[in-house]
PDB file of N, CA and C in Angstrom:
ATOM      1  N   MET A   1      20.732 253.673 -57.223  1.00  0.00           N
ATOM      2  CA  MET A   1      21.895 253.125 -56.545  1.00  0.00           C
ATOM      3  C   MET A   1      23.125 253.457 -57.397  1.00  0.00           C
ATOM      4  N   ALA A   2      24.138 253.958 -56.764  1.00  0.00           N
ATOM      5  CA  ALA A   2      25.358 254.335 -57.461  1.00  0.00           C
ATOM      6  C   ALA A   2      26.166 253.095 -57.833  1.00  0.00           C
ATOM      7  N   LEU A   3      26.984 253.237 -58.825  1.00  0.00           N
ATOM      8  CA  LEU A   3      27.813 252.129 -59.292  1.00  0.00           C
ATOM      9  C   LEU A   3      28.763 251.652 -58.202  1.00  0.00           C
ATOM     10  N   GLU A   4      29.276 252.570 -57.391  1.00  0.00           N
ATOM     11  CA  GLU A   4      30.174 252.193 -56.312  1.00  0.00           C
ATOM     12  C   GLU A   4      29.471 251.319 -55.276  1.00  0.00           C
ATOM     13  N   SER A   5      28.231 251.651 -54.973  1.00  0.00           N
ATOM     14  CA  SER A   5      27.459 250.858 -54.005  1.00  0.00           C
ATOM     15  C   SER A   5      27.219 249.459 -54.529  1.00  0.00           C
ATOM     16  N   LEU A   6      26.890 249.356 -55.794  1.00  0.00           N
ATOM     17  CA  LEU A   6      26.660 248.050 -56.404  1.00  0.00           C
ATOM     18  C   LEU A   6      27.936 247.219 -56.397  1.00  0.00           C
ATOM     19  N   LEU A   7      29.059 247.848 -56.660  1.00  0.00           N
ATOM     20  CA  LEU A   7      30.343 247.158 -56.644  1.00  0.00           C
ATOM     21  C   LEU A   7      30.680 246.654 -55.234  1.00  0.00           C
ATOM     22  N   VAL A   8      30.412 247.462 -54.228  1.00  0.00           N
ATOM     23  CA  VAL A   8      30.663 247.048 -52.838  1.00  0.00           C
ATOM     24  C   VAL A   8      29.761 245.878 -52.464  1.00  0.00           C
ATOM     25  N   ILE A   9      28.499 245.923 -52.870  1.00  0.00           N
ATOM     26  CA  ILE A   9      27.573 244.823 -52.579  1.00  0.00           C
ATOM     27  C   ILE A   9      28.069 243.534 -53.218  1.00  0.00           C
ATOM     28  N   ILE A  10      28.527 243.613 -54.457  1.00  0.00           N
ATOM     29  CA  ILE A  10      29.017 242.419 -55.153  1.00  0.00           C
ATOM     30  C   ILE A  10      30.280 241.876 -54.486  1.00  0.00           C
ATOM     31  N   ILE A  11      31.195 242.752 -54.107  1.00  0.00           N
ATOM     32  CA  ILE A  11      32.440 242.307 -53.464  1.00  0.00           C
ATOM     33  C   ILE A  11      32.153 241.700 -52.090  1.00  0.00           C
ATOM     34  N   VAL A  12      31.322 242.361 -51.303  1.00  0.00           N
ATOM     35  CA  VAL A  12      30.968 241.824 -49.981  1.00  0.00           C
ATOM     36  C   VAL A  12      30.267 240.478 -50.136  1.00  0.00           C
ATOM     37  N   GLY A  13      29.351 240.376 -51.091  1.00  0.00           N
ATOM     38  CA  GLY A  13      28.660 239.115 -51.332  1.00  0.00           C
ATOM     39  C   GLY A  13      29.604 238.005 -51.751  1.00  0.00           C
ATOM     40  N   ALA A  14      30.565 238.322 -52.615  1.00  0.00           N
ATOM     41  CA  ALA A  14      31.523 237.311 -53.068  1.00  0.00           C
ATOM     42  C   ALA A  14      32.398 236.826 -51.926  1.00  0.00           C
ATOM     43  N   VAL A  15      32.912 237.745 -51.133  1.00  0.00           N
ATOM     44  CA  VAL A  15      33.777 237.367 -50.007  1.00  0.00           C
ATOM     45  C   VAL A  15      32.978 236.579 -48.964  1.00  0.00           C
ATOM     46  N   ALA A  16      31.775 237.038 -48.654  1.00  0.00           N
ATOM     47  CA  ALA A  16      30.951 236.351 -47.654  1.00  0.00           C
ATOM     48  C   ALA A  16      30.554 234.961 -48.137  1.00  0.00           C
ATOM     49  N   GLY A  17      30.181 234.832 -49.393  1.00  0.00           N
ATOM     50  CA  GLY A  17      29.825 233.530 -49.939  1.00  0.00           C
ATOM     51  C   GLY A  17      31.003 232.574 -49.951  1.00  0.00           C
ATOM     52  N   TRP A  18      32.183 233.094 -50.289  1.00  0.00           N
ATOM     53  CA  TRP A  18      33.404 232.272 -50.299  1.00  0.00           C
ATOM     54  C   TRP A  18      33.740 231.809 -48.882  1.00  0.00           C
ATOM     55  N   LEU A  19      33.685 232.721 -47.913  1.00  0.00           N
ATOM     56  CA  LEU A  19      33.967 232.357 -46.517  1.00  0.00           C
ATOM     57  C   LEU A  19      32.954 231.348 -45.992  1.00  0.00           C
ATOM     58  N   ALA A  20      31.693 231.551 -46.316  1.00  0.00           N
ATOM     59  CA  ALA A  20      30.662 230.612 -45.870  1.00  0.00           C
ATOM     60  C   ALA A  20      30.880 229.244 -46.499  1.00  0.00           C
ATOM     61  N   GLY A  21      31.317 229.206 -47.755  1.00  0.00           N
ATOM     62  CA  GLY A  21      31.619 227.935 -48.407  1.00  0.00           C
ATOM     63  C   GLY A  21      32.760 227.201 -47.727  1.00  0.00           C
ATOM     64  N   ILE A  22      33.726 227.957 -47.212  1.00  0.00           N
ATOM     65  CA  ILE A  22      34.844 227.344 -46.486  1.00  0.00           C
ATOM     66  C   ILE A  22      34.372 226.844 -45.120  1.00  0.00           C
ATOM     67  N   ILE A  23      33.553 227.640 -44.433  1.00  0.00           N
ATOM     68  CA  ILE A  23      33.080 227.261 -43.106  1.00  0.00           C
ATOM     69  C   ILE A  23      32.170 226.035 -43.189  1.00  0.00           C
ATOM     70  N   VAL A  24      31.245 226.046 -44.133  1.00  0.00           N
ATOM     71  CA  VAL A  24      30.353 224.903 -44.368  1.00  0.00           C
ATOM     72  C   VAL A  24      30.988 224.110 -45.504  1.00  0.00           C
ATOM     73  N   LYS A  25      31.847 223.206 -45.148  1.00  0.00           N
ATOM     74  CA  LYS A  25      32.688 222.513 -46.120  1.00  0.00           C
ATOM     75  C   LYS A  25      31.864 221.814 -47.196  1.00  0.00           C
ATOM     76  N   GLY A  26      32.366 221.915 -48.431  1.00  0.00           N
ATOM     77  CA  GLY A  26      31.756 221.209 -49.541  1.00  0.00           C
ATOM     78  C   GLY A  26      30.621 221.950 -50.218  1.00  0.00           C
ATOM     79  N   TYR A  27      30.372 223.171 -49.846  1.00  0.00           N
ATOM     80  CA  TYR A  27      29.273 223.912 -50.447  1.00  0.00           C
ATOM     81  C   TYR A  27      29.772 225.191 -51.105  1.00  0.00           C
ATOM     82  N   GLY A  28      30.599 225.053 -52.129  1.00  0.00           N
ATOM     83  CA  GLY A  28      31.018 226.173 -52.939  1.00  0.00           C
ATOM     84  C   GLY A  28      30.216 226.156 -54.226  1.00  0.00           C
ATOM     85  N   TYR A  29      29.770 227.298 -54.674  1.00  0.00           N
ATOM     86  CA  TYR A  29      28.919 227.379 -55.856  1.00  0.00           C
ATOM     87  C   TYR A  29      29.553 228.199 -56.975  1.00  0.00           C
ATOM     88  N   GLY A  30      30.852 228.366 -56.960  1.00  0.00           N
ATOM     89  CA  GLY A  30      31.503 229.179 -57.975  1.00  0.00           C
ATOM     90  C   GLY A  30      31.355 230.655 -57.650  1.00  0.00           C
ATOM     91  N   LEU A  31      31.962 231.493 -58.461  1.00  0.00           N
ATOM     92  CA  LEU A  31      31.990 232.926 -58.179  1.00  0.00           C
ATOM     93  C   LEU A  31      30.591 233.532 -58.166  1.00  0.00           C
ATOM     94  N   LEU A  32      29.806 233.291 -59.194  1.00  0.00           N
ATOM     95  CA  LEU A  32      28.471 233.876 -59.261  1.00  0.00           C
ATOM     96  C   LEU A  32      27.568 233.325 -58.156  1.00  0.00           C
ATOM     97  N   GLY A  33      27.647 232.024 -57.912  1.00  0.00           N
ATOM     98  CA  GLY A  33      26.859 231.422 -56.841  1.00  0.00           C
ATOM     99  C   GLY A  33      27.246 231.956 -55.479  1.00  0.00           C
ATOM    100  N   ASN A  34      28.557 232.140 -55.245  1.00  0.00           N
ATOM    101  CA  ASN A  34      29.018 232.700 -53.969  1.00  0.00           C
ATOM    102  C   ASN A  34      28.518 234.126 -53.767  1.00  0.00           C
ATOM    103  N   ILE A  35      28.491 234.905 -54.849  1.00  0.00           N
ATOM    104  CA  ILE A  35      27.984 236.277 -54.745  1.00  0.00           C
ATOM    105  C   ILE A  35      26.511 236.257 -54.346  1.00  0.00           C
ATOM    106  N   VAL A  36      25.732 235.401 -54.999  1.00  0.00           N
ATOM    107  CA  VAL A  36      24.298 235.309 -54.694  1.00  0.00           C
ATOM    108  C   VAL A  36      24.094 234.813 -53.266  1.00  0.00           C
ATOM    109  N   ILE A  37      24.830 233.760 -52.872  1.00  0.00           N
ATOM    110  CA  ILE A  37      24.713 233.237 -51.508  1.00  0.00           C
ATOM    111  C   ILE A  37      25.079 234.325 -50.492  1.00  0.00           C
ATOM    112  N   GLY A  38      26.132 235.079 -50.750  1.00  0.00           N
ATOM    113  CA  GLY A  38      26.553 236.138 -49.832  1.00  0.00           C
ATOM    114  C   GLY A  38      25.533 237.253 -49.720  1.00  0.00           C
ATOM    115  N   ILE A  39      24.942 237.664 -50.848  1.00  0.00           N
ATOM    116  CA  ILE A  39      23.952 238.742 -50.821  1.00  0.00           C
ATOM    117  C   ILE A  39      22.675 238.270 -50.126  1.00  0.00           C
ATOM    118  N   VAL A  40      22.212 237.079 -50.464  1.00  0.00           N
ATOM    119  CA  VAL A  40      21.018 236.533 -49.798  1.00  0.00           C
ATOM    120  C   VAL A  40      21.314 236.290 -48.312  1.00  0.00           C
ATOM    121  N   GLY A  41      22.541 235.851 -48.021  1.00  0.00           N
ATOM    122  CA  GLY A  41      22.945 235.648 -46.631  1.00  0.00           C
ATOM    123  C   GLY A  41      22.919 236.945 -45.839  1.00  0.00           C
ATOM    124  N   ALA A  42      23.326 238.048 -46.458  1.00  0.00           N
ATOM    125  CA  ALA A  42      23.268 239.344 -45.783  1.00  0.00           C
ATOM    126  C   ALA A  42      21.822 239.716 -45.476  1.00  0.00           C
ATOM    127  N   PHE A  43      20.922 239.409 -46.400  1.00  0.00           N
ATOM    128  CA  PHE A  43      19.500 239.670 -46.167  1.00  0.00           C
ATOM    129  C   PHE A  43      18.971 238.812 -45.022  1.00  0.00           C
ATOM    130  N   VAL A  44      19.336 237.528 -45.021  1.00  0.00           N
ATOM    131  CA  VAL A  44      18.905 236.611 -43.956  1.00  0.00           C
ATOM    132  C   VAL A  44      19.427 237.094 -42.602  1.00  0.00           C
ATOM    133  N   ALA A  45      20.700 237.466 -42.559  1.00  0.00           N
ATOM    134  CA  ALA A  45      21.280 237.958 -41.304  1.00  0.00           C
ATOM    135  C   ALA A  45      20.614 239.260 -40.869  1.00  0.00           C
ATOM    136  N   GLY A  46      20.236 240.094 -41.838  1.00  0.00           N
ATOM    137  CA  GLY A  46      19.546 241.333 -41.516  1.00  0.00           C
ATOM    138  C   GLY A  46      18.189 241.100 -40.879  1.00  0.00           C
ATOM    139  N   LEU A  47      17.578 239.958 -41.183  1.00  0.00           N
ATOM    140  CA  LEU A  47      16.301 239.620 -40.566  1.00  0.00           C
ATOM    141  C   LEU A  47      16.478 238.962 -39.202  1.00  0.00           C
ATOM    142  N   ILE A  48      17.505 238.127 -39.058  1.00  0.00           N
ATOM    143  CA  ILE A  48      17.655 237.309 -37.857  1.00  0.00           C
ATOM    144  C   ILE A  48      18.452 238.007 -36.747  1.00  0.00           C
ATOM    145  N   LEU A  49      19.597 238.577 -37.078  1.00  0.00           N
ATOM    146  CA  LEU A  49      20.499 239.098 -36.054  1.00  0.00           C
ATOM    147  C   LEU A  49      19.914 240.236 -35.213  1.00  0.00           C
ATOM    148  N   PRO A  50      19.208 241.214 -35.788  1.00  0.00           N
ATOM    149  CA  PRO A  50      18.620 242.248 -34.917  1.00  0.00           C
ATOM    150  C   PRO A  50      17.591 241.688 -33.941  1.00  0.00           C
ATOM    151  N   GLY A  51      16.881 240.657 -34.345  1.00  0.00           N
ATOM    152  CA  GLY A  51      15.920 240.029 -33.443  1.00  0.00           C
ATOM    153  C   GLY A  51      16.585 239.362 -32.255  1.00  0.00           C
ATOM    154  N   LEU A  52      17.835 238.947 -32.445  1.00  0.00           N
ATOM    155  CA  LEU A  52      18.609 238.342 -31.359  1.00  0.00           C
ATOM    156  C   LEU A  52      19.351 239.385 -30.534  1.00  0.00           C
ATOM    157  N   GLY A  53      19.257 240.649 -30.944  1.00  0.00           N
ATOM    158  CA  GLY A  53      19.946 241.718 -30.237  1.00  0.00           C
ATOM    159  C   GLY A  53      21.420 241.803 -30.567  1.00  0.00           C
ATOM    160  N   LEU A  54      21.824 241.262 -31.705  1.00  0.00           N
ATOM    161  CA  LEU A  54      23.229 241.239 -32.110  1.00  0.00           C
ATOM    162  C   LEU A  54      23.508 242.381 -33.072  1.00  0.00           C
ATOM    163  N   ASN A  55      24.433 243.253 -32.704  1.00  0.00           N
ATOM    164  CA  ASN A  55      24.834 244.361 -33.560  1.00  0.00           C
ATOM    165  C   ASN A  55      26.324 244.236 -33.822  1.00  0.00           C
ATOM    166  N   ILE A  56      26.710 244.045 -35.065  1.00  0.00           N
ATOM    167  CA  ILE A  56      28.111 243.807 -35.398  1.00  0.00           C
ATOM    168  C   ILE A  56      28.872 245.112 -35.579  1.00  0.00           C
ATOM    169  N   GLY A  57      28.227 246.137 -36.083  1.00  0.00           N
ATOM    170  CA  GLY A  57      28.892 247.413 -36.279  1.00  0.00           C
ATOM    171  C   GLY A  57      28.705 247.914 -37.690  1.00  0.00           C
ATOM    172  N   THR A  58      29.588 248.841 -38.087  1.00  0.00           N
ATOM    173  CA  THR A  58      29.489 249.432 -39.416  1.00  0.00           C
ATOM    174  C   THR A  58      30.796 249.232 -40.162  1.00  0.00           C
ATOM    175  N   GLY A  59      30.765 249.471 -41.434  1.00  0.00           N
ATOM    176  CA  GLY A  59      31.956 249.358 -42.262  1.00  0.00           C
ATOM    177  C   GLY A  59      31.945 248.073 -43.083  1.00  0.00           C
ATOM    178  N   ILE A  60      32.931 247.979 -43.939  1.00  0.00           N
ATOM    179  CA  ILE A  60      33.022 246.846 -44.861  1.00  0.00           C
ATOM    180  C   ILE A  60      33.286 245.548 -44.102  1.00  0.00           C
ATOM    181  N   ALA A  61      34.193 245.571 -43.139  1.00  0.00           N
ATOM    182  CA  ALA A  61      34.521 244.349 -42.393  1.00  0.00           C
ATOM    183  C   ALA A  61      33.287 243.831 -41.654  1.00  0.00           C
ATOM    184  N   ALA A  62      32.534 244.727 -41.040  1.00  0.00           N
ATOM    185  CA  ALA A  62      31.309 244.320 -40.340  1.00  0.00           C
ATOM    186  C   ALA A  62      30.279 243.789 -41.326  1.00  0.00           C
ATOM    187  N   ALA A  63      30.202 244.390 -42.510  1.00  0.00           N
ATOM    188  CA  ALA A  63      29.265 243.911 -43.530  1.00  0.00           C
ATOM    189  C   ALA A  63      29.640 242.508 -43.994  1.00  0.00           C
ATOM    190  N   ILE A  64      30.938 242.253 -44.137  1.00  0.00           N
ATOM    191  CA  ILE A  64      31.388 240.920 -44.545  1.00  0.00           C
ATOM    192  C   ILE A  64      31.071 239.896 -43.460  1.00  0.00           C
ATOM    193  N   ILE A  65      31.325 240.232 -42.200  1.00  0.00           N
ATOM    194  CA  ILE A  65      31.020 239.321 -41.094  1.00  0.00           C
ATOM    195  C   ILE A  65      29.518 239.067 -41.024  1.00  0.00           C
ATOM    196  N   HIS A  66      28.746 240.115 -41.136  1.00  0.00           N
ATOM    197  CA  HIS A  66      27.282 240.023 -41.101  1.00  0.00           C
ATOM    198  C   HIS A  66      26.777 239.112 -42.230  1.00  0.00           C
ATOM    199  N   ALA A  67      27.237 239.356 -43.439  1.00  0.00           N
ATOM    200  CA  ALA A  67      26.802 238.567 -44.587  1.00  0.00           C
ATOM    201  C   ALA A  67      27.297 237.123 -44.491  1.00  0.00           C
ATOM    202  N   THR A  68      28.477 236.918 -43.937  1.00  0.00           N
ATOM    203  CA  THR A  68      29.005 235.559 -43.783  1.00  0.00           C
ATOM    204  C   THR A  68      28.157 234.759 -42.805  1.00  0.00           C
ATOM    205  N   ILE A  69      27.760 235.369 -41.707  1.00  0.00           N
ATOM    206  CA  ILE A  69      26.897 234.674 -40.744  1.00  0.00           C
ATOM    207  C   ILE A  69      25.589 234.268 -41.413  1.00  0.00           C
ATOM    208  N   GLY A  70      25.004 235.185 -42.152  1.00  0.00           N
ATOM    209  CA  GLY A  70      23.764 234.861 -42.855  1.00  0.00           C
ATOM    210  C   GLY A  70      23.957 233.805 -43.925  1.00  0.00           C
ATOM    211  N   ALA A  71      25.085 233.862 -44.641  1.00  0.00           N
ATOM    212  CA  ALA A  71      25.353 232.880 -45.687  1.00  0.00           C
ATOM    213  C   ALA A  71      25.581 231.492 -45.092  1.00  0.00           C
ATOM    214  N   VAL A  72      26.229 231.413 -43.943  1.00  0.00           N
ATOM    215  CA  VAL A  72      26.414 230.122 -43.269  1.00  0.00           C
ATOM    216  C   VAL A  72      25.056 229.553 -42.872  1.00  0.00           C
ATOM    217  N   ILE A  73      24.189 230.393 -42.321  1.00  0.00           N
ATOM    218  CA  ILE A  73      22.841 229.944 -41.960  1.00  0.00           C
ATOM    219  C   ILE A  73      22.112 229.447 -43.206  1.00  0.00           C
ATOM    220  N   LEU A  74      22.237 230.194 -44.298  1.00  0.00           N
ATOM    221  CA  LEU A  74      21.576 229.811 -45.541  1.00  0.00           C
ATOM    222  C   LEU A  74      22.111 228.485 -46.074  1.00  0.00           C
ATOM    223  N   LEU A  75      23.423 228.294 -46.058  1.00  0.00           N
ATOM    224  CA  LEU A  75      24.005 227.050 -46.549  1.00  0.00           C
ATOM    225  C   LEU A  75      23.621 225.866 -45.674  1.00  0.00           C
ATOM    226  N   LEU A  76      23.522 226.074 -44.368  1.00  0.00           N
ATOM    227  CA  LEU A  76      23.075 224.999 -43.488  1.00  0.00           C
ATOM    228  C   LEU A  76      21.615 224.635 -43.759  1.00  0.00           C
ATOM    229  N   LEU A  77      20.796 225.639 -44.042  1.00  0.00           N
ATOM    230  CA  LEU A  77      19.402 225.364 -44.418  1.00  0.00           C
ATOM    231  C   LEU A  77      19.328 224.612 -45.738  1.00  0.00           C
ATOM    232  N   ILE A  78      20.154 224.976 -46.698  1.00  0.00           N
ATOM    233  CA  ILE A  78      20.193 224.260 -47.983  1.00  0.00           C
ATOM    234  C   ILE A  78      20.617 222.817 -47.756  1.00  0.00           C
ATOM    235  N   ARG A  79      21.594 222.613 -46.883  1.00  0.00           N
ATOM    236  CA  ARG A  79      22.050 221.256 -46.575  1.00  0.00           C
ATOM    237  C   ARG A  79      20.927 220.432 -45.952  1.00  0.00           C
ATOM    238  N   LEU A  80      20.161 221.028 -45.033  1.00  0.00           N
ATOM    239  CA  LEU A  80      19.041 220.314 -44.400  1.00  0.00           C
ATOM    240  C   LEU A  80      17.969 219.960 -45.427  1.00  0.00           C
ATOM    241  N   ILE A  81      17.678 220.877 -46.329  1.00  0.00           N
ATOM    242  CA  ILE A  81      16.651 220.623 -47.337  1.00  0.00           C
ATOM    243  C   ILE A  81      17.091 219.531 -48.305  1.00  0.00           C
ATOM    244  N   LYS A  82      18.360 219.536 -48.693  1.00  0.00           N
ATOM    245  CA  LYS A  82      18.849 218.512 -49.614  1.00  0.00           C
ATOM    246  C   LYS A  82      18.845 217.131 -48.989  1.00  0.00           C
ATOM    247  N   ARG A  83      19.060 217.029 -47.683  1.00  0.00           N
ATOM    248  CA  ARG A  83      19.058 215.730 -47.007  1.00  0.00           C
ATOM    249  C   ARG A  83      17.649 215.209 -46.767  1.00  0.00           C
ATOM    250  N   ALA A  84      16.683 216.098 -46.726  1.00  0.00           N
ATOM    251  CA  ALA A  84      15.304 215.674 -46.445  1.00  0.00           C
ATOM    252  C   ALA A  84      14.635 215.046 -47.634  1.00  0.00           C
TER     253      ALA A  84
END
């Protein structure tokens, strides 16, 4: 993996994690936590969204939207687990 690709993954993960933290109020995990949440969220969305027939598109903006949707799902699951 090239350094540029890794940098894009980290930036997309950070932005997606930050946006998901804003959407799901009260669940911000700091910069490193947001990056991890965003990257894991992109993986979650990659598993769920194609099964629903949802295609967002290509490019950085689509990757951020895709990862944000997955990160929101992940944060909601974390919230459910913490309440149980």
